Amino acid sequence: MQLGAIAILTEIGTDCLHFGSESGSIKDFQQLLLFMQEHNEQWNALVKGHMQQGYSYPKASALAFKSLHTQTELSLEQPNNILGYHYVKAIADQRSSIKPYTTKRITAGYHDRTITSPTIASATSIREAIMGQDDASHQIQQVMPEASFRELSTYSLKHKRFTSGNCISRFYNTAF
């Protein structure tokens, strides 16, 4: 997914990519990328071995990463760090001119199920608010980009309400 996203962003002339991470340091991502490039064969063998033991790819990757004993502060057990690492890797693999930046997530963890801040929320908590409350629009509007909220509102008005996670998935697949 990140490879395709970076290819599209590069093609349309995007010059930077900014993502949230548990790390908050782009230097950590760049150091990890160099380390992983140097240890790629060993990492791949470890991942394959863990998957043969029945672990999912994400779990096998995390276990392989742990066993390599990296010198980096970056943990690939945290979801936003994993995503950010793959963005940085895709940029490097494609020799894209996109410059990556990251901001440390200080609230709204990846798995948070409720909106607890007036200005930032996890995607999970936004989906939960959409599905669980009749009048969560003000709360959702405060934590979403204006254009995204507008698209969500238009969809909601047209279809009256979201009735399942599948409905939200269809929204994302058709709106973007």
C-alpha atoms as a PDB file:
ATOM      1  CA  MET A   1       0.000   0.000   0.000  1.00  0.00           C
ATOM      2  CA  GLN A   2       2.763   2.461   0.878  1.00  0.00           C
ATOM      3  CA  LEU A   3       4.599   1.731  -2.373  1.00  0.00           C
ATOM      4  CA  GLY A   4       1.542   2.689  -4.413  1.00  0.00           C
ATOM      5  CA  ALA A   5       0.845   5.770  -2.299  1.00  0.00           C
ATOM      6  CA  ILE A   6       4.408   7.027  -2.654  1.00  0.00           C
ATOM      7  CA  ALA A   7       4.406   6.322  -6.405  1.00  0.00           C
ATOM      8  CA  ILE A   8       1.220   8.358  -6.839  1.00  0.00           C
ATOM      9  CA  LEU A   9       2.444  11.205  -4.621  1.00  0.00           C
ATOM     10  CA  THR A  10       5.760  11.313  -6.494  1.00  0.00           C
ATOM     11  CA  GLU A  11       3.989  11.339  -9.858  1.00  0.00           C
ATOM     12  CA  ILE A  12       1.780  14.288  -8.936  1.00  0.00           C
ATOM     13  CA  GLY A  13       4.758  16.296  -7.705  1.00  0.00           C
ATOM     14  CA  THR A  14       4.389  16.046  -3.937  1.00  0.00           C
ATOM     15  CA  ASP A  15       7.523  17.328  -2.252  1.00  0.00           C
ATOM     16  CA  CYS A  16       6.960  16.170   1.344  1.00  0.00           C
ATOM     17  CA  LEU A  17       5.066  13.599   3.388  1.00  0.00           C
ATOM     18  CA  HIS A  18       4.223  14.267   7.011  1.00  0.00           C
ATOM     19  CA  PHE A  19       2.976  11.453   9.246  1.00  0.00           C
ATOM     20  CA  GLY A  20       2.329  10.930  12.923  1.00  0.00           C
ATOM     21  CA  SER A  21       4.393   8.370  14.791  1.00  0.00           C
ATOM     22  CA  GLU A  22       5.064   7.170  18.281  1.00  0.00           C
ATOM     23  CA  SER A  23       8.736   8.060  17.706  1.00  0.00           C
ATOM     24  CA  GLY A  24       8.448  11.640  16.511  1.00  0.00           C
ATOM     25  CA  SER A  25      11.996  11.602  15.097  1.00  0.00           C
ATOM     26  CA  ILE A  26      12.560  11.239  11.366  1.00  0.00           C
ATOM     27  CA  LYS A  27      16.228  10.555  12.138  1.00  0.00           C
ATOM     28  CA  ASP A  28      15.154   7.341  13.923  1.00  0.00           C
ATOM     29  CA  PHE A  29      13.334   6.202  10.776  1.00  0.00           C
ATOM     30  CA  GLN A  30      16.305   7.000   8.556  1.00  0.00           C
ATOM     31  CA  GLN A  31      18.740   5.190  10.869  1.00  0.00           C
ATOM     32  CA  LEU A  32      16.461   2.177  10.967  1.00  0.00           C
ATOM     33  CA  LEU A  33      16.185   2.160   7.177  1.00  0.00           C
ATOM     34  CA  LEU A  34      19.989   2.013   6.854  1.00  0.00           C
ATOM     35  CA  PHE A  35      20.198  -0.740   9.464  1.00  0.00           C
ATOM     36  CA  MET A  36      17.481  -2.774   7.755  1.00  0.00           C
ATOM     37  CA  GLN A  37      19.121  -2.365   4.339  1.00  0.00           C
ATOM     38  CA  GLU A  38      22.358  -3.748   5.807  1.00  0.00           C
ATOM     39  CA  HIS A  39      20.550  -6.680   7.460  1.00  0.00           C
ATOM     40  CA  ASN A  40      17.865  -7.352   4.852  1.00  0.00           C
ATOM     41  CA  GLU A  41      18.737 -10.994   4.126  1.00  0.00           C
ATOM     42  CA  GLN A  42      18.912 -11.884   7.821  1.00  0.00           C
ATOM     43  CA  TRP A  43      15.611 -10.073   8.516  1.00  0.00           C
ATOM     44  CA  ASN A  44      13.831 -11.813   5.619  1.00  0.00           C
ATOM     45  CA  ALA A  45      15.029 -15.218   6.851  1.00  0.00           C
ATOM     46  CA  LEU A  46      13.821 -14.460  10.377  1.00  0.00           C
ATOM     47  CA  VAL A  47      10.413 -13.274   9.141  1.00  0.00           C
ATOM     48  CA  LYS A  48      10.019 -16.396   7.008  1.00  0.00           C
ATOM     49  CA  GLY A  49      10.952 -18.605   9.953  1.00  0.00           C
ATOM     50  CA  HIS A  50       8.444 -16.929  12.269  1.00  0.00           C
ATOM     51  CA  MET A  51       5.699 -17.175   9.644  1.00  0.00           C
ATOM     52  CA  GLN A  52       6.419 -20.895   9.259  1.00  0.00           C
ATOM     53  CA  GLN A  53       5.801 -21.132  13.005  1.00  0.00           C
ATOM     54  CA  GLY A  54       2.292 -19.766  12.390  1.00  0.00           C
ATOM     55  CA  TYR A  55       2.749 -16.064  13.185  1.00  0.00           C
ATOM     56  CA  SER A  56       1.040 -13.408  11.063  1.00  0.00           C
ATOM     57  CA  TYR A  57       3.298 -11.253   8.900  1.00  0.00           C
ATOM     58  CA  PRO A  58       3.079  -8.207  11.237  1.00  0.00           C
ATOM     59  CA  LYS A  59       3.894 -10.337  14.300  1.00  0.00           C
ATOM     60  CA  ALA A  60       6.652 -12.208  12.441  1.00  0.00           C
ATOM     61  CA  SER A  61       8.134  -8.877  11.339  1.00  0.00           C
ATOM     62  CA  ALA A  62       8.084  -7.522  14.892  1.00  0.00           C
ATOM     63  CA  LEU A  63       9.736 -10.693  16.240  1.00  0.00           C
ATOM     64  CA  ALA A  64      12.388 -10.602  13.505  1.00  0.00           C
ATOM     65  CA  PHE A  65      13.062  -6.950  14.201  1.00  0.00           C
ATOM     66  CA  LYS A  66      13.442  -7.644  17.925  1.00  0.00           C
ATOM     67  CA  SER A  67      15.891 -10.472  17.354  1.00  0.00           C
ATOM     68  CA  LEU A  68      18.150  -8.303  15.177  1.00  0.00           C
ATOM     69  CA  HIS A  69      19.020  -6.171  18.235  1.00  0.00           C
ATOM     70  CA  THR A  70      19.021  -2.850  16.427  1.00  0.00           C
ATOM     71  CA  GLN A  71      20.737   0.177  17.915  1.00  0.00           C
ATOM     72  CA  THR A  72      17.787   2.420  17.093  1.00  0.00           C
ATOM     73  CA  GLU A  73      15.277   3.879  19.495  1.00  0.00           C
ATOM     74  CA  LEU A  74      12.470   3.175  17.036  1.00  0.00           C
ATOM     75  CA  SER A  75      10.074   0.379  17.950  1.00  0.00           C
ATOM     76  CA  LEU A  76       8.388  -1.475  15.133  1.00  0.00           C
ATOM     77  CA  GLU A  77       5.840  -2.870  17.542  1.00  0.00           C
ATOM     78  CA  GLN A  78       3.853   0.360  17.462  1.00  0.00           C
ATOM     79  CA  PRO A  79       1.395   0.797  14.568  1.00  0.00           C
ATOM     80  CA  ASN A  80       2.243   4.335  13.488  1.00  0.00           C
ATOM     81  CA  ASN A  81       5.974   3.634  13.613  1.00  0.00           C
ATOM     82  CA  ILE A  82       5.414   0.585  11.392  1.00  0.00           C
ATOM     83  CA  LEU A  83       3.442   2.661   8.890  1.00  0.00           C
ATOM     84  CA  GLY A  84       5.983   5.493   8.992  1.00  0.00           C
ATOM     85  CA  TYR A  85       8.891   3.111   8.479  1.00  0.00           C
ATOM     86  CA  HIS A  86       7.219   1.696   5.384  1.00  0.00           C
ATOM     87  CA  TYR A  87       6.642   5.213   4.038  1.00  0.00           C
ATOM     88  CA  VAL A  88      10.319   6.072   4.511  1.00  0.00           C
ATOM     89  CA  LYS A  89      11.330   2.739   2.975  1.00  0.00           C
ATOM     90  CA  ALA A  90       9.040   3.245  -0.038  1.00  0.00           C
ATOM     91  CA  ILE A  91      10.482   6.728  -0.590  1.00  0.00           C
ATOM     92  CA  ALA A  92      14.014   5.290  -0.535  1.00  0.00           C
ATOM     93  CA  ASP A  93      13.170   2.214  -2.638  1.00  0.00           C
ATOM     94  CA  GLN A  94      11.598   4.387  -5.337  1.00  0.00           C
ATOM     95  CA  ARG A  95      14.315   7.031  -5.124  1.00  0.00           C
ATOM     96  CA  SER A  96      11.530   9.549  -4.710  1.00  0.00           C
ATOM     97  CA  SER A  97      12.394  13.175  -4.067  1.00  0.00           C
ATOM     98  CA  ILE A  98       9.668  13.327  -1.394  1.00  0.00           C
ATOM     99  CA  LYS A  99      11.075  14.455   1.945  1.00  0.00           C
ATOM    100  CA  PRO A 100       9.563  12.646   4.939  1.00  0.00           C
ATOM    101  CA  TYR A 101       8.688  14.362   8.225  1.00  0.00           C
ATOM    102  CA  THR A 102       7.085  13.015  11.368  1.00  0.00           C
ATOM    103  CA  THR A 103       5.373  14.417  14.429  1.00  0.00           C
ATOM    104  CA  LYS A 104       5.219  12.568  17.714  1.00  0.00           C
ATOM    105  CA  ARG A 105       1.747  11.382  18.615  1.00  0.00           C
ATOM    106  CA  ILE A 106       1.191  12.658  22.132  1.00  0.00           C
ATOM    107  CA  THR A 107      -2.491  11.788  22.456  1.00  0.00           C
ATOM    108  CA  ALA A 108      -4.962   9.607  20.643  1.00  0.00           C
ATOM    109  CA  GLY A 109      -3.175   6.287  20.397  1.00  0.00           C
ATOM    110  CA  TYR A 110      -3.775   4.126  17.357  1.00  0.00           C
ATOM    111  CA  HIS A 111      -6.243   1.840  19.155  1.00  0.00           C
ATOM    112  CA  ASP A 112      -8.048   4.498  21.233  1.00  0.00           C
ATOM    113  CA  ARG A 113     -11.781   3.879  20.844  1.00  0.00           C
ATOM    114  CA  THR A 114     -13.100   7.220  22.137  1.00  0.00           C
ATOM    115  CA  ILE A 115     -12.393  10.838  21.285  1.00  0.00           C
ATOM    116  CA  THR A 116     -10.837  12.300  24.410  1.00  0.00           C
ATOM    117  CA  SER A 117      -9.180  15.429  23.019  1.00  0.00           C
ATOM    118  CA  PRO A 118     -10.945  18.391  21.437  1.00  0.00           C
ATOM    119  CA  THR A 119      -8.342  18.605  18.654  1.00  0.00           C
ATOM    120  CA  ILE A 120      -6.993  15.140  17.797  1.00  0.00           C
ATOM    121  CA  ALA A 121      -8.379  11.623  17.588  1.00  0.00           C
ATOM    122  CA  SER A 122      -7.466   8.192  16.332  1.00  0.00           C
ATOM    123  CA  ALA A 123      -9.149   6.875  13.203  1.00  0.00           C
ATOM    124  CA  THR A 124     -10.584   4.116  15.391  1.00  0.00           C
ATOM    125  CA  SER A 125     -12.254   6.629  17.710  1.00  0.00           C
ATOM    126  CA  ILE A 126     -13.670   8.591  14.775  1.00  0.00           C
ATOM    127  CA  ARG A 127     -15.181   5.393  13.314  1.00  0.00           C
ATOM    128  CA  GLU A 128     -16.568   4.467  16.731  1.00  0.00           C
ATOM    129  CA  ALA A 129     -18.129   7.954  17.087  1.00  0.00           C
ATOM    130  CA  ILE A 130     -19.696   7.697  13.632  1.00  0.00           C
ATOM    131  CA  MET A 131     -21.162   4.287  14.370  1.00  0.00           C
ATOM    132  CA  GLY A 132     -22.207   4.820  17.964  1.00  0.00           C
ATOM    133  CA  GLN A 133     -23.662   8.283  18.419  1.00  0.00           C
ATOM    134  CA  ASP A 134     -26.605   9.987  16.777  1.00  0.00           C
ATOM    135  CA  ASP A 135     -25.141  13.460  17.153  1.00  0.00           C
ATOM    136  CA  ALA A 136     -21.364  13.131  17.221  1.00  0.00           C
ATOM    137  CA  SER A 137     -20.868  15.468  14.253  1.00  0.00           C
ATOM    138  CA  HIS A 138     -19.542  18.426  16.267  1.00  0.00           C
ATOM    139  CA  GLN A 139     -17.054  16.243  18.112  1.00  0.00           C
ATOM    140  CA  ILE A 140     -15.939  14.572  14.865  1.00  0.00           C
ATOM    141  CA  GLN A 141     -15.698  17.888  13.019  1.00  0.00           C
ATOM    142  CA  GLN A 142     -13.225  19.190  15.590  1.00  0.00           C
ATOM    143  CA  VAL A 143     -10.736  16.383  14.975  1.00  0.00           C
ATOM    144  CA  MET A 144     -10.961  15.910  11.190  1.00  0.00           C
ATOM    145  CA  PRO A 145      -9.646  17.943   8.269  1.00  0.00           C
ATOM    146  CA  GLU A 146     -12.420  20.177   6.925  1.00  0.00           C
ATOM    147  CA  ALA A 147     -12.479  18.540   3.474  1.00  0.00           C
ATOM    148  CA  SER A 148     -12.732  15.039   4.978  1.00  0.00           C
ATOM    149  CA  PHE A 149     -15.557  16.076   7.283  1.00  0.00           C
ATOM    150  CA  ARG A 150     -17.396  17.680   4.355  1.00  0.00           C
ATOM    151  CA  GLU A 151     -17.145  14.435   2.324  1.00  0.00           C
ATOM    152  CA  LEU A 152     -18.292  12.399   5.300  1.00  0.00           C
ATOM    153  CA  SER A 153     -21.244  14.732   5.881  1.00  0.00           C
ATOM    154  CA  THR A 154     -22.273  14.614   2.224  1.00  0.00           C
ATOM    155  CA  TYR A 155     -22.201  10.836   2.282  1.00  0.00           C
ATOM    156  CA  SER A 156     -24.139  10.719   5.537  1.00  0.00           C
ATOM    157  CA  LEU A 157     -26.859  13.044   4.212  1.00  0.00           C
ATOM    158  CA  LYS A 158     -27.219  11.047   1.026  1.00  0.00           C
ATOM    159  CA  HIS A 159     -27.395   7.659   2.759  1.00  0.00           C
ATOM    160  CA  LYS A 160     -28.993   8.841   6.029  1.00  0.00           C
ATOM    161  CA  ARG A 161     -26.472   7.147   8.310  1.00  0.00           C
ATOM    162  CA  PHE A 162     -23.700   4.597   8.496  1.00  0.00           C
ATOM    163  CA  THR A 163     -24.995   1.202   9.485  1.00  0.00           C
ATOM    164  CA  SER A 164     -21.817  -0.861   9.580  1.00  0.00           C
ATOM    165  CA  GLY A 165     -18.073  -0.784   9.228  1.00  0.00           C
ATOM    166  CA  ASN A 166     -18.590  -2.074   5.693  1.00  0.00           C
ATOM    167  CA  CYS A 167     -20.526   1.071   4.897  1.00  0.00           C
ATOM    168  CA  ILE A 168     -17.617   3.215   6.058  1.00  0.00           C
ATOM    169  CA  SER A 169     -15.217   1.077   4.022  1.00  0.00           C
ATOM    170  CA  ARG A 170     -17.333   1.634   0.915  1.00  0.00           C
ATOM    171  CA  PHE A 171     -17.232   5.382   1.631  1.00  0.00           C
ATOM    172  CA  TYR A 172     -13.442   5.416   1.738  1.00  0.00           C
ATOM    173  CA  ASN A 173     -13.158   3.261  -1.369  1.00  0.00           C
ATOM    174  CA  THR A 174     -15.456   5.498  -3.404  1.00  0.00           C
ATOM    175  CA  ALA A 175     -14.621   8.935  -2.012  1.00  0.00           C
ATOM    176  CA  PHE A 176     -10.883   8.748  -2.385  1.00  0.00           C
END
